[in-house]
Amino acid sequence: MNYFQAENLSKSYAEKRLFENINFGIEQGQKVGIIDVSLV
């Protein structure tokens, strides 16, 4: 069972596309990390 699910995520900065239509889920007991990358 997914505790969290994301579908069709996209991200771009100005004209630069970082990713498009990403899908993922986090299951019970999984360990995840969040990394913030600031673009200058």
C-alpha atoms as a PDB file:
ATOM      1  CA  MET A   1       0.000   0.000   0.000  1.00  0.00           C
ATOM      2  CA  ASN A   2       1.329   3.436  -0.937  1.00  0.00           C
ATOM      3  CA  TYR A   3       1.480   5.968   1.888  1.00  0.00           C
ATOM      4  CA  PHE A   4       2.291   8.649  -0.653  1.00  0.00           C
ATOM      5  CA  GLN A   5       1.922   8.628  -4.427  1.00  0.00           C
ATOM      6  CA  ALA A   6       2.770  11.332  -6.967  1.00  0.00           C
ATOM      7  CA  GLU A   7       1.877  11.196 -10.644  1.00  0.00           C
ATOM      8  CA  ASN A   8       2.754  13.225 -13.721  1.00  0.00           C
ATOM      9  CA  LEU A   9       5.155  15.626 -11.988  1.00  0.00           C
ATOM     10  CA  SER A  10       7.142  18.015 -14.169  1.00  0.00           C
ATOM     11  CA  LYS A  11       9.702  20.695 -13.335  1.00  0.00           C
ATOM     12  CA  SER A  12      11.523  23.290 -15.400  1.00  0.00           C
ATOM     13  CA  TYR A  13      13.528  26.445 -14.833  1.00  0.00           C
ATOM     14  CA  ALA A  14      12.943  29.027 -17.549  1.00  0.00           C
ATOM     15  CA  GLU A  15      13.443  27.048 -20.774  1.00  0.00           C
ATOM     16  CA  LYS A  16      15.420  24.184 -19.171  1.00  0.00           C
ATOM     17  CA  ARG A  17      13.266  21.106 -18.491  1.00  0.00           C
ATOM     18  CA  LEU A  18      14.558  19.069 -15.532  1.00  0.00           C
ATOM     19  CA  PHE A  19      12.004  16.262 -15.730  1.00  0.00           C
ATOM     20  CA  GLU A  20       8.574  15.566 -17.161  1.00  0.00           C
ATOM     21  CA  ASN A  21       5.749  13.182 -16.208  1.00  0.00           C
ATOM     22  CA  ILE A  22       7.545  11.492 -13.282  1.00  0.00           C
ATOM     23  CA  ASN A  23       5.522   8.999 -11.213  1.00  0.00           C
ATOM     24  CA  PHE A  24       6.535   7.492  -7.870  1.00  0.00           C
ATOM     25  CA  GLY A  25       5.189   6.148  -4.618  1.00  0.00           C
ATOM     26  CA  ILE A  26       6.481   5.612  -1.089  1.00  0.00           C
ATOM     27  CA  GLU A  27       5.557   2.379   0.657  1.00  0.00           C
ATOM     28  CA  GLN A  28       5.204   1.777   4.384  1.00  0.00           C
ATOM     29  CA  GLY A  29       8.606   1.165   5.949  1.00  0.00           C
ATOM     30  CA  GLN A  30      10.621   2.701   3.096  1.00  0.00           C
ATOM     31  CA  LYS A  31      13.273   5.259   3.961  1.00  0.00           C
ATOM     32  CA  VAL A  32      13.553   8.269   1.663  1.00  0.00           C
ATOM     33  CA  GLY A  33      15.647  11.395   1.553  1.00  0.00           C
ATOM     34  CA  ILE A  34      14.857  14.783   0.073  1.00  0.00           C
ATOM     35  CA  ILE A  35      17.671  16.739  -1.528  1.00  0.00           C
ATOM     36  CA  ASP A  36      17.299  20.415  -2.407  1.00  0.00           C
ATOM     37  CA  VAL A  37      19.456  21.638  -5.242  1.00  0.00           C
ATOM     38  CA  SER A  38      19.340  25.395  -5.736  1.00  0.00           C
ATOM     39  CA  LEU A  39      20.175  26.520  -9.242  1.00  0.00           C
ATOM     40  CA  VAL A  40      21.855  29.861  -9.697  1.00  0.00           C
END
